[in-house]
Every structure is written in C-alpha cells, then in structure tokens.
C-alpha cells in the first residue's frame, strides 16, 4: 500500500444502486396492521419492514390508488 494516494488519479464511478437507496422515516401504523405484516413476514421468512416496503413499492410501481369513502 502507498502512504498517500492522489485522489485526482482515481477513476470514480457512480453508485449503480444510488437510485434504490432507502430513506428512513417515522410513520404511525396501527398495531393490528403491524401484526398482520409480521405474521405474513414470518410465514415467508423475511423481515416485516421489508415486506411492507415491497408492498408499498408494488403499489407505487403499478400506480394503485386507494378507494376510500368517508361516511
């Protein structure tokens, strides 16, 4: 190894995964909803937060709109 490196001589590349970086947020979710995703995640053997992220990504990718009615 060298004692010093010249940074200008390095060949910097863009991170190919930069577009998929996750952002940490705080969100309030009902306990029953968390329990539902935890049970599904345990059956599939993946972390429940990963499962929630996959579900939300699928909704976003397919441009799903929620149907609500306030009564």
Protein backbone atom coordinates (compact mmCIF):
# COMPACT_ATOMS: atom_id res chain seq x y z
CA UNK A 1 0.00 0.00 0.00
CA UNK A 2 1.05 3.53 -0.68
CA UNK A 3 1.47 6.05 2.09
CA UNK A 4 -0.61 8.55 0.11
CA UNK A 5 -2.97 8.41 -2.85
CA UNK A 6 -3.70 11.10 -5.41
CA UNK A 7 -7.50 11.34 -5.48
CA UNK A 8 -7.47 13.06 -8.87
CA UNK A 9 -5.94 9.94 -10.44
CA UNK A 10 -8.71 7.67 -9.17
CA UNK A 11 -11.50 6.63 -11.51
CA UNK A 12 -14.68 7.48 -9.59
CA UNK A 13 -17.80 5.64 -10.71
CA UNK A 14 -21.37 6.44 -9.90
CA UNK A 15 -23.00 4.08 -7.46
CA UNK A 16 -25.29 1.84 -9.55
CA UNK A 17 -27.53 1.32 -6.51
CA UNK A 18 -27.90 5.01 -5.64
CA UNK A 19 -31.39 5.19 -7.16
CA UNK A 20 -32.55 2.41 -4.82
CA UNK A 21 -31.22 3.85 -1.57
CA UNK A 22 -33.75 3.76 1.22
CA UNK A 23 -34.73 6.73 3.31
CA UNK A 24 -35.56 6.32 6.97
CA UNK A 25 -38.87 7.85 8.03
CA UNK A 26 -41.18 7.78 11.02
CA UNK A 27 -44.70 6.52 10.39
CA UNK A 28 -47.60 5.67 12.68
CA UNK A 29 -49.24 2.34 11.85
CA UNK A 30 -51.99 0.55 13.75
CA UNK A 31 -50.86 -2.36 15.90
CA UNK A 32 -53.20 -4.76 14.11
CA UNK A 33 -51.68 -3.77 10.76
CA UNK A 34 -48.15 -4.37 12.09
CA UNK A 35 -49.26 -7.74 13.49
CA UNK A 36 -50.69 -8.67 10.08
CA UNK A 37 -47.45 -7.88 8.25
CA UNK A 38 -45.35 -9.56 10.96
CA UNK A 39 -47.34 -12.79 10.61
CA UNK A 40 -47.07 -12.69 6.81
CA UNK A 41 -43.36 -11.94 7.01
CA UNK A 42 -42.76 -14.80 9.47
CA UNK A 43 -44.53 -17.21 7.11
CA UNK A 44 -42.32 -16.03 4.22
CA UNK A 45 -39.14 -15.82 6.32
CA UNK A 46 -38.40 -12.14 5.65
CA UNK A 47 -38.35 -9.08 7.94
CA UNK A 48 -41.76 -7.40 8.22
CA UNK A 49 -40.34 -3.99 7.30
CA UNK A 50 -39.01 -5.47 4.07
CA UNK A 51 -42.43 -6.92 3.35
CA UNK A 52 -44.12 -3.56 3.94
CA UNK A 53 -41.56 -1.88 1.66
CA UNK A 54 -42.17 -4.47 -1.07
CA UNK A 55 -45.92 -3.96 -0.81
CA UNK A 56 -45.65 -0.17 -0.97
CA UNK A 57 -43.19 -0.35 -3.87
CA UNK A 58 -45.61 -2.62 -5.76
CA UNK A 59 -48.41 -0.10 -5.17
CA UNK A 60 -46.21 2.76 -6.41
CA UNK A 61 -44.89 0.84 -9.43
CA UNK A 62 -48.42 -0.10 -10.51
CA UNK A 63 -49.85 3.35 -9.73
CA UNK A 64 -52.51 1.86 -7.47
CA UNK A 65 -54.98 4.34 -5.99
CA UNK A 66 -56.77 3.68 -2.74
CA UNK A 67 -60.54 3.72 -2.84
CA UNK A 68 -61.98 5.39 0.24
CA UNK A 69 -65.32 6.79 1.15
CA UNK A 70 -65.97 8.87 4.23
CA UNK A 71 -69.34 8.33 5.80
